[in-house]
Amino acid sequence: MEHRVFPSKKRGERGVFPMKIHYHPKLKELARKLRTKSTKSEIKLWQYLKSKKMMGYDFHRQKPIDSFIVDLFCNKLKLAIELDGYTHTFEEIAEKDASKQERLKEFGITVLRFCDEDVMKNMDGVLQAIRSFIEDDEKQKKHTPGPSF
């Protein structure tokens, strides 16, 4: 079964949603289970991103996209945040991470990766990296001319 991400249309006064997220249906239940078994670093970072605390942007945990689940995701920014524990240093896992990142890139999704240790010991640096991404994204959108009719 092939899944794709397509730009969505305007939805009245609720605003424009950047894209409709398609995913393999079996991932929905797995994502729910992962939310109940979050790592310490996921829980800690989530405290700063939930409820639109990060500059008003809406993030979701364990979000299914295509045939993957990303740790944290903001649809409006097309931003996935992945938190890597020690297993991500293993060659096989690193290769899977690279394939996942390439596939997400095809959908126009940027992936920011942080190791668990950074989240636990350098939260200010992690949050600043996310803020910098958002500020750059906002500047780019401001200076991108709209369609001419």
N, C-alpha and C. Protein backbone atom coordinates (compact mmCIF):
# COMPACT_ATOMS: atom_id res chain seq x y z
N MET A 1 0.84 -1.17 0.00
CA MET A 1 0.00 0.00 0.00
C MET A 1 0.89 1.24 0.00
N GLU A 2 0.64 2.16 -0.90
CA GLU A 2 1.46 3.36 -1.01
C GLU A 2 0.72 4.53 -0.39
N HIS A 3 1.44 5.33 0.39
CA HIS A 3 0.86 6.50 1.04
C HIS A 3 1.65 7.71 0.60
N ARG A 4 0.95 8.80 0.40
CA ARG A 4 1.61 10.03 -0.01
C ARG A 4 1.11 11.19 0.83
N VAL A 5 1.87 12.26 0.87
CA VAL A 5 1.46 13.48 1.54
C VAL A 5 1.12 14.48 0.45
N PHE A 6 -0.08 15.02 0.51
CA PHE A 6 -0.52 16.00 -0.47
C PHE A 6 -0.86 17.30 0.23
N PRO A 7 -0.62 18.43 -0.43
CA PRO A 7 -1.04 19.69 0.17
C PRO A 7 -2.55 19.69 0.34
N SER A 8 -3.03 20.22 1.46
CA SER A 8 -4.47 20.28 1.67
C SER A 8 -5.02 21.62 1.20
N LYS A 9 -6.32 21.70 1.11
CA LYS A 9 -6.98 22.93 0.68
C LYS A 9 -7.35 23.75 1.90
N LYS A 10 -7.77 25.01 1.66
CA LYS A 10 -8.19 25.88 2.75
C LYS A 10 -9.41 25.30 3.43
N ARG A 11 -9.49 25.53 4.71
CA ARG A 11 -10.62 25.03 5.48
C ARG A 11 -11.30 26.19 6.19
N GLY A 12 -11.98 27.00 5.43
CA GLY A 12 -12.75 28.09 6.02
C GLY A 12 -11.94 28.96 6.94
N GLU A 13 -12.54 29.30 8.05
CA GLU A 13 -11.89 30.21 8.99
C GLU A 13 -10.88 29.53 9.89
N ARG A 14 -10.79 28.23 9.80
CA ARG A 14 -9.84 27.52 10.66
C ARG A 14 -8.42 27.66 10.14
N GLY A 15 -8.27 28.23 8.97
CA GLY A 15 -6.92 28.45 8.45
C GLY A 15 -6.53 27.44 7.40
N VAL A 16 -5.29 27.56 6.96
CA VAL A 16 -4.76 26.67 5.94
C VAL A 16 -3.87 25.66 6.62
N PHE A 17 -4.06 24.39 6.31
CA PHE A 17 -3.22 23.35 6.84
C PHE A 17 -2.20 23.00 5.76
N PRO A 18 -0.92 22.98 6.10
CA PRO A 18 0.11 22.78 5.08
C PRO A 18 0.01 21.47 4.32
N MET A 19 -0.38 20.41 4.97
CA MET A 19 -0.45 19.14 4.25
C MET A 19 -1.35 18.17 5.00
N LYS A 20 -1.92 17.28 4.25
CA LYS A 20 -2.70 16.18 4.80
C LYS A 20 -1.71 15.05 5.04
N ILE A 21 -1.70 14.52 6.25
CA ILE A 21 -0.77 13.47 6.61
C ILE A 21 -1.40 12.11 6.34
N HIS A 22 -0.77 11.33 5.49
CA HIS A 22 -1.21 9.96 5.25
C HIS A 22 -0.21 9.02 5.91
N TYR A 23 -0.72 7.91 6.41
CA TYR A 23 0.16 6.94 7.06
C TYR A 23 -0.50 5.56 7.00
N HIS A 24 0.30 4.56 7.24
CA HIS A 24 -0.21 3.20 7.28
C HIS A 24 -1.11 3.07 8.51
N PRO A 25 -2.36 2.63 8.34
CA PRO A 25 -3.32 2.58 9.45
C PRO A 25 -2.85 1.80 10.68
N LYS A 26 -2.04 0.78 10.49
CA LYS A 26 -1.57 -0.02 11.62
C LYS A 26 -0.65 0.78 12.55
N LEU A 27 -0.12 1.88 12.06
CA LEU A 27 0.80 2.67 12.87
C LEU A 27 0.08 3.46 13.96
N LYS A 28 -1.21 3.71 13.78
CA LYS A 28 -1.94 4.52 14.75
C LYS A 28 -1.91 3.89 16.15
N GLU A 29 -2.17 2.61 16.23
CA GLU A 29 -2.17 1.92 17.52
C GLU A 29 -0.75 1.86 18.10
N LEU A 30 0.25 1.60 17.26
CA LEU A 30 1.63 1.59 17.73
C LEU A 30 2.02 2.96 18.28
N ALA A 31 1.62 4.02 17.61
CA ALA A 31 1.93 5.38 18.08
C ALA A 31 1.31 5.62 19.46
N ARG A 32 0.09 5.15 19.66
CA ARG A 32 -0.55 5.28 20.99
C ARG A 32 0.28 4.58 22.06
N LYS A 33 0.73 3.37 21.74
CA LYS A 33 1.54 2.61 22.71
C LYS A 33 2.85 3.33 23.00
N LEU A 34 3.47 3.89 21.96
CA LEU A 34 4.74 4.60 22.16
C LEU A 34 4.54 5.83 23.06
N ARG A 35 3.40 6.49 22.95
CA ARG A 35 3.12 7.65 23.80
C ARG A 35 3.07 7.27 25.27
N THR A 36 2.63 6.05 25.55
CA THR A 36 2.56 5.61 26.95
C THR A 36 3.91 5.12 27.46
N LYS A 37 4.86 4.89 26.56
CA LYS A 37 6.18 4.39 26.94
C LYS A 37 7.28 5.38 26.52
N SER A 38 7.01 6.66 26.69
CA SER A 38 7.98 7.68 26.28
C SER A 38 9.27 7.58 27.08
N THR A 39 10.36 7.97 26.44
CA THR A 39 11.65 8.03 27.13
C THR A 39 11.69 9.28 28.01
N LYS A 40 12.64 9.32 28.92
CA LYS A 40 12.78 10.49 29.80
C LYS A 40 13.02 11.76 28.98
N SER A 41 13.82 11.65 27.93
CA SER A 41 14.12 12.84 27.13
C SER A 41 12.88 13.30 26.36
N GLU A 42 12.07 12.36 25.86
CA GLU A 42 10.83 12.74 25.17
C GLU A 42 9.88 13.47 26.12
N ILE A 43 9.75 12.93 27.32
CA ILE A 43 8.86 13.55 28.31
C ILE A 43 9.36 14.95 28.66
N LYS A 44 10.65 15.08 28.85
CA LYS A 44 11.22 16.38 29.23
C LYS A 44 11.03 17.42 28.12
N LEU A 45 11.36 17.06 26.88
CA LEU A 45 11.20 18.01 25.78
C LEU A 45 9.73 18.32 25.54
N TRP A 46 8.87 17.34 25.68
CA TRP A 46 7.44 17.53 25.46
C TRP A 46 6.88 18.62 26.39
N GLN A 47 7.42 18.73 27.60
CA GLN A 47 6.95 19.75 28.54
C GLN A 47 7.13 21.17 27.97
N TYR A 48 8.09 21.33 27.08
CA TYR A 48 8.36 22.65 26.48
C TYR A 48 7.63 22.86 25.16
N LEU A 49 7.12 21.79 24.56
CA LEU A 49 6.48 21.90 23.24
C LEU A 49 4.97 21.75 23.27
N LYS A 50 4.44 21.08 24.28
CA LYS A 50 3.00 20.81 24.31
C LYS A 50 2.20 22.10 24.51
N SER A 51 0.94 22.03 24.15
CA SER A 51 0.00 23.14 24.35
C SER A 51 0.47 24.44 23.70
N LYS A 52 1.13 24.32 22.57
CA LYS A 52 1.59 25.48 21.79
C LYS A 52 2.54 26.39 22.58
N LYS A 53 3.30 25.80 23.51
CA LYS A 53 4.25 26.59 24.31
C LYS A 53 5.43 27.11 23.49
N MET A 54 5.76 26.42 22.40
CA MET A 54 6.90 26.83 21.59
C MET A 54 6.43 27.81 20.52
N MET A 55 6.46 29.08 20.87
CA MET A 55 6.17 30.17 19.92
C MET A 55 4.79 30.02 19.27
N GLY A 56 3.86 29.37 19.97
CA GLY A 56 2.50 29.22 19.47
C GLY A 56 2.28 28.09 18.48
N TYR A 57 3.28 27.26 18.26
CA TYR A 57 3.16 26.17 17.28
C TYR A 57 2.66 24.89 17.96
N ASP A 58 1.84 24.16 17.22
CA ASP A 58 1.20 22.95 17.70
C ASP A 58 2.04 21.73 17.34
N PHE A 59 2.58 21.07 18.35
CA PHE A 59 3.38 19.86 18.16
C PHE A 59 2.59 18.64 18.62
N HIS A 60 2.88 17.50 18.01
CA HIS A 60 2.26 16.24 18.39
C HIS A 60 3.35 15.22 18.67
N ARG A 61 3.06 14.31 19.61
CA ARG A 61 4.01 13.25 19.96
C ARG A 61 3.71 11.99 19.17
N GLN A 62 4.77 11.26 18.84
CA GLN A 62 4.65 9.96 18.18
C GLN A 62 3.64 10.03 17.03
N LYS A 63 3.97 10.83 16.05
CA LYS A 63 3.07 11.09 14.92
C LYS A 63 3.38 10.16 13.75
N PRO A 64 2.40 9.35 13.32
CA PRO A 64 2.60 8.52 12.14
C PRO A 64 2.64 9.38 10.87
N ILE A 65 3.64 9.14 10.04
CA ILE A 65 3.76 9.79 8.73
C ILE A 65 4.27 8.73 7.77
N ASP A 66 3.51 8.50 6.69
CA ASP A 66 3.87 7.49 5.70
C ASP A 66 3.99 6.14 6.41
N SER A 67 5.14 5.51 6.38
CA SER A 67 5.31 4.22 7.05
C SER A 67 6.22 4.36 8.29
N PHE A 68 6.29 5.58 8.83
CA PHE A 68 7.15 5.87 9.97
C PHE A 68 6.36 6.50 11.10
N ILE A 69 6.99 6.56 12.26
CA ILE A 69 6.47 7.33 13.38
C ILE A 69 7.59 8.26 13.81
N VAL A 70 7.31 9.56 13.85
CA VAL A 70 8.32 10.53 14.30
C VAL A 70 8.03 10.88 15.76
N ASP A 71 9.09 11.18 16.51
CA ASP A 71 8.93 11.45 17.94
C ASP A 71 8.04 12.66 18.19
N LEU A 72 8.33 13.77 17.51
CA LEU A 72 7.56 15.00 17.67
C LEU A 72 7.37 15.63 16.29
N PHE A 73 6.20 16.22 16.06
CA PHE A 73 5.93 16.76 14.74
C PHE A 73 5.05 18.00 14.81
N CYS A 74 5.42 19.01 14.01
CA CYS A 74 4.60 20.21 13.83
C CYS A 74 4.24 20.29 12.35
N ASN A 75 2.96 20.13 12.05
CA ASN A 75 2.49 20.13 10.67
C ASN A 75 2.70 21.50 10.01
N LYS A 76 2.38 22.56 10.72
CA LYS A 76 2.48 23.90 10.14
C LYS A 76 3.91 24.22 9.71
N LEU A 77 4.88 23.75 10.47
CA LEU A 77 6.29 24.00 10.16
C LEU A 77 6.88 22.91 9.26
N LYS A 78 6.17 21.82 9.08
CA LYS A 78 6.71 20.63 8.41
C LYS A 78 8.03 20.24 9.08
N LEU A 79 7.97 20.15 10.41
CA LEU A 79 9.15 19.89 11.22
C LEU A 79 8.96 18.63 12.06
N ALA A 80 9.85 17.69 11.89
CA ALA A 80 9.91 16.50 12.73
C ALA A 80 11.11 16.62 13.65
N ILE A 81 10.93 16.25 14.90
CA ILE A 81 12.03 16.24 15.86
C ILE A 81 12.22 14.80 16.30
N GLU A 82 13.43 14.30 16.14
CA GLU A 82 13.77 12.94 16.52
C GLU A 82 14.77 12.98 17.67
N LEU A 83 14.50 12.19 18.69
CA LEU A 83 15.40 12.08 19.83
C LEU A 83 16.08 10.72 19.78
N ASP A 84 17.39 10.76 19.75
CA ASP A 84 18.17 9.54 19.55
C ASP A 84 18.84 9.09 20.84
N GLY A 85 18.52 7.87 21.24
CA GLY A 85 19.17 7.25 22.38
C GLY A 85 20.42 6.51 21.92
N TYR A 86 20.99 5.74 22.83
CA TYR A 86 22.25 5.06 22.51
C TYR A 86 22.10 4.07 21.36
N THR A 87 20.92 3.49 21.15
CA THR A 87 20.75 2.50 20.08
C THR A 87 20.94 3.13 18.70
N HIS A 88 20.76 4.44 18.61
CA HIS A 88 20.91 5.11 17.31
C HIS A 88 22.36 5.21 16.86
N THR A 89 23.27 4.78 17.73
CA THR A 89 24.69 4.74 17.34
C THR A 89 25.02 3.43 16.62
N PHE A 90 24.12 2.45 16.70
CA PHE A 90 24.34 1.18 16.00
C PHE A 90 24.14 1.39 14.51
N GLU A 91 25.01 0.77 13.72
CA GLU A 91 24.99 0.98 12.27
C GLU A 91 23.62 0.70 11.64
N GLU A 92 23.01 -0.39 12.02
CA GLU A 92 21.71 -0.77 11.44
C GLU A 92 20.64 0.29 11.73
N ILE A 93 20.60 0.78 12.95
CA ILE A 93 19.62 1.80 13.34
C ILE A 93 19.95 3.12 12.64
N ALA A 94 21.22 3.47 12.56
CA ALA A 94 21.63 4.70 11.89
C ALA A 94 21.21 4.67 10.41
N GLU A 95 21.33 3.52 9.77
CA GLU A 95 20.91 3.39 8.37
C GLU A 95 19.40 3.57 8.23
N LYS A 96 18.63 2.99 9.16
CA LYS A 96 17.18 3.16 9.14
C LYS A 96 16.80 4.62 9.36
N ASP A 97 17.52 5.28 10.28
CA ASP A 97 17.28 6.71 10.53
C ASP A 97 17.53 7.53 9.27
N ALA A 98 18.60 7.22 8.54
CA ALA A 98 18.94 7.95 7.32
C ALA A 98 17.87 7.74 6.25
N SER A 99 17.39 6.51 6.10
CA SER A 99 16.33 6.22 5.13
C SER A 99 15.05 6.96 5.49
N LYS A 100 14.71 6.94 6.76
CA LYS A 100 13.52 7.64 7.25
C LYS A 100 13.62 9.13 6.97
N GLN A 101 14.78 9.69 7.26
CA GLN A 101 14.99 11.12 7.06
C GLN A 101 14.89 11.49 5.57
N GLU A 102 15.45 10.66 4.70
CA GLU A 102 15.36 10.90 3.25
C GLU A 102 13.91 10.88 2.78
N ARG A 103 13.15 9.89 3.27
CA ARG A 103 11.75 9.78 2.87
C ARG A 103 10.96 10.99 3.34
N LEU A 104 11.19 11.42 4.57
CA LEU A 104 10.49 12.59 5.10
C LEU A 104 10.85 13.84 4.30
N LYS A 105 12.10 13.93 3.89
CA LYS A 105 12.56 15.06 3.08
C LYS A 105 11.78 15.14 1.76
N GLU A 106 11.44 13.98 1.19
CA GLU A 106 10.65 13.94 -0.04
C GLU A 106 9.28 14.60 0.15
N PHE A 107 8.77 14.60 1.37
CA PHE A 107 7.49 15.23 1.68
C PHE A 107 7.67 16.70 2.07
N GLY A 108 8.91 17.19 2.03
CA GLY A 108 9.17 18.57 2.42
C GLY A 108 9.29 18.75 3.93
N ILE A 109 9.51 17.66 4.64
CA ILE A 109 9.62 17.71 6.10
C ILE A 109 11.09 17.78 6.49
N THR A 110 11.40 18.75 7.35
CA THR A 110 12.74 18.89 7.90
C THR A 110 12.81 18.08 9.19
N VAL A 111 13.93 17.41 9.40
CA VAL A 111 14.12 16.62 10.62
C VAL A 111 15.25 17.25 11.43
N LEU A 112 14.94 17.60 12.67
CA LEU A 112 15.97 18.02 13.62
C LEU A 112 16.21 16.84 14.54
N ARG A 113 17.47 16.47 14.70
CA ARG A 113 17.82 15.33 15.55
C ARG A 113 18.61 15.83 16.76
N PHE A 114 18.25 15.29 17.92
CA PHE A 114 18.97 15.59 19.15
C PHE A 114 19.22 14.27 19.86
N CYS A 115 20.35 14.15 20.51
CA CYS A 115 20.58 12.95 21.31
C CYS A 115 19.93 13.15 22.68
N ASP A 116 19.56 12.04 23.29
CA ASP A 116 18.91 12.09 24.59
C ASP A 116 19.73 12.89 25.60
N GLU A 117 21.04 12.71 25.54
CA GLU A 117 21.93 13.39 26.50
C GLU A 117 21.82 14.91 26.38
N ASP A 118 21.72 15.43 25.14
CA ASP A 118 21.56 16.87 24.96
C ASP A 118 20.27 17.37 25.61
N VAL A 119 19.19 16.62 25.41
CA VAL A 119 17.91 17.02 26.00
C VAL A 119 18.02 17.03 27.52
N MET A 120 18.66 16.03 28.07
CA MET A 120 18.75 15.91 29.53
C MET A 120 19.73 16.91 30.15
N LYS A 121 20.81 17.24 29.42
CA LYS A 121 21.86 18.07 30.02
C LYS A 121 21.99 19.47 29.40
N ASN A 122 21.38 19.70 28.25
CA ASN A 122 21.52 20.99 27.58
C ASN A 122 20.19 21.41 26.94
N MET A 123 19.15 21.43 27.76
CA MET A 123 17.82 21.76 27.24
C MET A 123 17.80 23.15 26.61
N ASP A 124 18.51 24.11 27.19
CA ASP A 124 18.54 25.46 26.62
C ASP A 124 19.05 25.44 25.18
N GLY A 125 20.09 24.67 24.93
CA GLY A 125 20.64 24.57 23.58
C GLY A 125 19.67 23.91 22.62
N VAL A 126 18.98 22.87 23.07
CA VAL A 126 17.98 22.18 22.23
C VAL A 126 16.84 23.14 21.89
N LEU A 127 16.32 23.83 22.90
CA LEU A 127 15.22 24.76 22.67
C LEU A 127 15.63 25.91 21.76
N GLN A 128 16.87 26.38 21.91
CA GLN A 128 17.35 27.45 21.04
C GLN A 128 17.46 26.98 19.60
N ALA A 129 17.89 25.76 19.39
CA ALA A 129 17.96 25.21 18.02
C ALA A 129 16.57 25.14 17.39
N ILE A 130 15.58 24.75 18.17
CA ILE A 130 14.20 24.69 17.66
C ILE A 130 13.68 26.09 17.38
N ARG A 131 13.93 27.03 18.30
CA ARG A 131 13.52 28.42 18.09
C ARG A 131 14.18 29.00 16.84
N SER A 132 15.44 28.73 16.65
CA SER A 132 16.16 29.23 15.47
C SER A 132 15.55 28.68 14.19
N PHE A 133 15.19 27.40 14.19
CA PHE A 133 14.54 26.83 13.02
C PHE A 133 13.23 27.57 12.74
N ILE A 134 12.44 27.80 13.78
CA ILE A 134 11.15 28.47 13.61
C ILE A 134 11.35 29.90 13.11
N GLU A 135 12.29 30.62 13.70
CA GLU A 135 12.54 32.00 13.26
C GLU A 135 12.98 32.05 11.80
N ASP A 136 13.85 31.13 11.40
CA ASP A 136 14.28 31.07 10.00
C ASP A 136 13.10 30.75 9.08
N ASP A 137 12.25 29.82 9.51
CA ASP A 137 11.07 29.44 8.72
C ASP A 137 10.13 30.64 8.56
N GLU A 138 9.91 31.37 9.65
CA GLU A 138 9.03 32.54 9.60
C GLU A 138 9.60 33.63 8.70
N LYS A 139 10.90 33.85 8.77
CA LYS A 139 11.54 34.85 7.89
C LYS A 139 11.39 34.45 6.43
N GLN A 140 11.61 33.19 6.14
CA GLN A 140 11.51 32.70 4.77
C GLN A 140 10.09 32.86 4.24
N LYS A 141 9.10 32.56 5.06
CA LYS A 141 7.71 32.69 4.63
C LYS A 141 7.32 34.15 4.41
N LYS A 142 7.89 35.05 5.22
CA LYS A 142 7.62 36.48 5.06
C LYS A 142 8.14 37.01 3.74
N HIS A 143 9.30 36.50 3.33
CA HIS A 143 9.98 37.02 2.14
C HIS A 143 9.69 36.22 0.88
N THR A 144 8.86 35.18 1.01
CA THR A 144 8.50 34.39 -0.16
C THR A 144 7.28 35.02 -0.80
N PRO A 145 7.42 35.50 -2.04
CA PRO A 145 6.27 36.14 -2.67
C PRO A 145 5.16 35.13 -2.94
N GLY A 146 3.93 35.58 -2.77
CA GLY A 146 2.77 34.73 -3.04
C GLY A 146 2.56 34.61 -4.54
N PRO A 147 1.59 33.79 -4.92
CA PRO A 147 1.32 33.62 -6.36
C PRO A 147 0.79 34.90 -6.96
N SER A 148 1.22 35.19 -8.18
CA SER A 148 0.74 36.39 -8.86
C SER A 148 -0.38 36.00 -9.81
N PHE A 149 -1.43 36.77 -9.77
CA PHE A 149 -2.60 36.46 -10.60
C PHE A 149 -2.77 37.49 -11.67
